Amino acid sequence: MPIKMIARELYLLLREVEKTEKELKNAPLEKHLEIKDKLRKIKAERNRMRAILEGKKDRS
């Protein structure tokens, strides 16, 4: 995958993390577990994309 595509995907994931953190902050208590699980998955994907991007940068 080209660096531009990886960087774009990383940017979108960063935005989604921010949005989900705000959602968690404003959510009723009964929704917290569900939103925390969603946030955990998004952060894992964000970290994976960041690692891929760093690996691509090192090779260039």
N, C-alpha and C. Protein backbone atom coordinates (compact mmCIF):
# COMPACT_ATOMS: atom_id res chain seq x y z
N MET A 1 0.85 -1.17 0.00
CA MET A 1 0.00 0.00 0.00
C MET A 1 0.90 1.24 0.00
N PRO A 2 0.62 2.21 -0.86
CA PRO A 2 1.44 3.43 -0.90
C PRO A 2 1.36 4.23 0.41
N ILE A 3 2.43 4.97 0.68
CA ILE A 3 2.51 5.76 1.91
C ILE A 3 1.34 6.72 2.04
N LYS A 4 0.94 7.36 0.93
CA LYS A 4 -0.17 8.31 0.98
C LYS A 4 -1.46 7.66 1.48
N MET A 5 -1.72 6.46 1.01
CA MET A 5 -2.94 5.75 1.42
C MET A 5 -2.87 5.37 2.91
N ILE A 6 -1.71 4.94 3.35
CA ILE A 6 -1.53 4.58 4.76
C ILE A 6 -1.70 5.81 5.63
N ALA A 7 -1.09 6.92 5.22
CA ALA A 7 -1.19 8.16 5.99
C ALA A 7 -2.63 8.64 6.05
N ARG A 8 -3.35 8.53 4.95
CA ARG A 8 -4.75 8.94 4.93
C ARG A 8 -5.58 8.08 5.87
N GLU A 9 -5.36 6.78 5.82
CA GLU A 9 -6.08 5.86 6.69
C GLU A 9 -5.77 6.15 8.16
N LEU A 10 -4.51 6.44 8.45
CA LEU A 10 -4.11 6.78 9.82
C LEU A 10 -4.82 8.05 10.27
N TYR A 11 -4.87 9.04 9.41
CA TYR A 11 -5.56 10.29 9.73
C TYR A 11 -7.04 10.03 10.05
N LEU A 12 -7.69 9.23 9.22
CA LEU A 12 -9.11 8.91 9.46
C LEU A 12 -9.30 8.17 10.78
N LEU A 13 -8.38 7.28 11.09
CA LEU A 13 -8.47 6.55 12.36
C LEU A 13 -8.26 7.48 13.56
N LEU A 14 -7.33 8.43 13.42
CA LEU A 14 -7.12 9.40 14.49
C LEU A 14 -8.38 10.21 14.75
N ARG A 15 -9.03 10.62 13.68
CA ARG A 15 -10.28 11.37 13.80
C ARG A 15 -11.37 10.52 14.46
N GLU A 16 -11.43 9.25 14.08
CA GLU A 16 -12.43 8.35 14.64
C GLU A 16 -12.18 8.11 16.13
N VAL A 17 -10.92 8.02 16.53
CA VAL A 17 -10.58 7.86 17.94
C VAL A 17 -11.08 9.07 18.72
N GLU A 18 -10.80 10.26 18.20
CA GLU A 18 -11.25 11.50 18.87
C GLU A 18 -12.76 11.53 19.00
N LYS A 19 -13.45 11.19 17.92
CA LYS A 19 -14.92 11.19 17.92
C LYS A 19 -15.47 10.19 18.93
N THR A 20 -14.88 9.02 18.98
CA THR A 20 -15.36 7.97 19.88
C THR A 20 -15.06 8.32 21.34
N GLU A 21 -13.93 8.97 21.59
CA GLU A 21 -13.62 9.42 22.96
C GLU A 21 -14.64 10.45 23.43
N LYS A 22 -15.04 11.35 22.55
CA LYS A 22 -16.08 12.33 22.89
C LYS A 22 -17.41 11.64 23.13
N GLU A 23 -17.70 10.66 22.29
CA GLU A 23 -18.94 9.90 22.42
C GLU A 23 -18.97 9.19 23.78
N LEU A 24 -17.85 8.62 24.18
CA LEU A 24 -17.76 7.94 25.47
C LEU A 24 -17.99 8.91 26.62
N LYS A 25 -17.40 10.07 26.50
CA LYS A 25 -17.51 11.09 27.54
C LYS A 25 -18.97 11.51 27.75
N ASN A 26 -19.74 11.57 26.68
CA ASN A 26 -21.12 12.05 26.75
C ASN A 26 -22.16 10.93 26.84
N ALA A 27 -21.72 9.70 26.81
CA ALA A 27 -22.65 8.57 26.78
C ALA A 27 -23.15 8.22 28.18
N PRO A 28 -24.36 7.68 28.25
CA PRO A 28 -24.85 7.17 29.53
C PRO A 28 -24.02 5.96 29.98
N LEU A 29 -24.01 5.72 31.27
CA LEU A 29 -23.18 4.65 31.84
C LEU A 29 -23.43 3.28 31.20
N GLU A 30 -24.67 2.99 30.86
CA GLU A 30 -24.97 1.66 30.30
C GLU A 30 -24.35 1.46 28.91
N LYS A 31 -23.92 2.50 28.26
CA LYS A 31 -23.29 2.39 26.94
C LYS A 31 -21.76 2.37 27.01
N HIS A 32 -21.19 2.64 28.19
CA HIS A 32 -19.74 2.77 28.31
C HIS A 32 -18.98 1.52 27.88
N LEU A 33 -19.41 0.35 28.29
CA LEU A 33 -18.69 -0.88 27.92
C LEU A 33 -18.66 -1.07 26.41
N GLU A 34 -19.78 -0.85 25.78
CA GLU A 34 -19.88 -1.01 24.32
C GLU A 34 -18.95 -0.01 23.61
N ILE A 35 -18.97 1.23 24.04
CA ILE A 35 -18.15 2.26 23.41
C ILE A 35 -16.67 2.04 23.70
N LYS A 36 -16.35 1.60 24.92
CA LYS A 36 -14.94 1.32 25.26
C LYS A 36 -14.39 0.20 24.39
N ASP A 37 -15.21 -0.80 24.12
CA ASP A 37 -14.78 -1.90 23.26
C ASP A 37 -14.53 -1.39 21.85
N LYS A 38 -15.43 -0.57 21.34
CA LYS A 38 -15.26 0.04 20.02
C LYS A 38 -13.98 0.87 19.98
N LEU A 39 -13.75 1.65 21.02
CA LEU A 39 -12.56 2.51 21.10
C LEU A 39 -11.29 1.67 21.13
N ARG A 40 -11.31 0.58 21.86
CA ARG A 40 -10.15 -0.31 21.94
C ARG A 40 -9.79 -0.85 20.56
N LYS A 41 -10.79 -1.25 19.79
CA LYS A 41 -10.55 -1.79 18.45
C LYS A 41 -10.01 -0.72 17.51
N ILE A 42 -10.57 0.47 17.58
CA ILE A 42 -10.11 1.56 16.72
C ILE A 42 -8.66 1.93 17.05
N LYS A 43 -8.35 1.98 18.34
CA LYS A 43 -6.98 2.32 18.76
C LYS A 43 -6.00 1.24 18.30
N ALA A 44 -6.40 -0.01 18.35
CA ALA A 44 -5.53 -1.10 17.89
C ALA A 44 -5.25 -0.95 16.39
N GLU A 45 -6.27 -0.63 15.63
CA GLU A 45 -6.09 -0.44 14.19
C GLU A 45 -5.23 0.79 13.92
N ARG A 46 -5.44 1.86 14.69
CA ARG A 46 -4.62 3.07 14.56
C ARG A 46 -3.15 2.75 14.82
N ASN A 47 -2.89 2.00 15.86
CA ASN A 47 -1.51 1.64 16.20
C ASN A 47 -0.88 0.75 15.12
N ARG A 48 -1.68 -0.12 14.55
CA ARG A 48 -1.20 -0.99 13.47
C ARG A 48 -0.83 -0.15 12.25
N MET A 49 -1.69 0.79 11.90
CA MET A 49 -1.42 1.66 10.74
C MET A 49 -0.19 2.53 10.99
N ARG A 50 -0.06 3.03 12.21
CA ARG A 50 1.10 3.86 12.55
C ARG A 50 2.39 3.05 12.40
N ALA A 51 2.36 1.79 12.86
CA ALA A 51 3.54 0.93 12.74
C ALA A 51 3.86 0.64 11.28
N ILE A 52 2.84 0.42 10.47
CA ILE A 52 3.05 0.18 9.04
C ILE A 52 3.68 1.42 8.41
N LEU A 53 3.15 2.59 8.73
CA LEU A 53 3.67 3.83 8.17
C LEU A 53 5.12 4.04 8.58
N GLU A 54 5.43 3.80 9.83
CA GLU A 54 6.82 3.95 10.30
C GLU A 54 7.73 2.97 9.56
N GLY A 55 7.26 1.76 9.34
CA GLY A 55 8.05 0.77 8.61
C GLY A 55 8.30 1.21 7.18
N LYS A 56 7.28 1.78 6.55
CA LYS A 56 7.42 2.27 5.17
C LYS A 56 8.41 3.42 5.12
N LYS A 57 8.37 4.32 6.10
CA LYS A 57 9.26 5.46 6.13
C LYS A 57 10.71 5.00 6.26
N ASP A 58 10.94 4.01 7.11
CA ASP A 58 12.30 3.51 7.34
C ASP A 58 12.90 2.92 6.07
N ARG A 59 12.08 2.29 5.26
CA ARG A 59 12.56 1.65 4.05
C ARG A 59 12.84 2.64 2.93
N SER A 60 12.18 3.81 2.98
CA SER A 60 12.35 4.80 1.90
C SER A 60 13.70 5.48 1.93
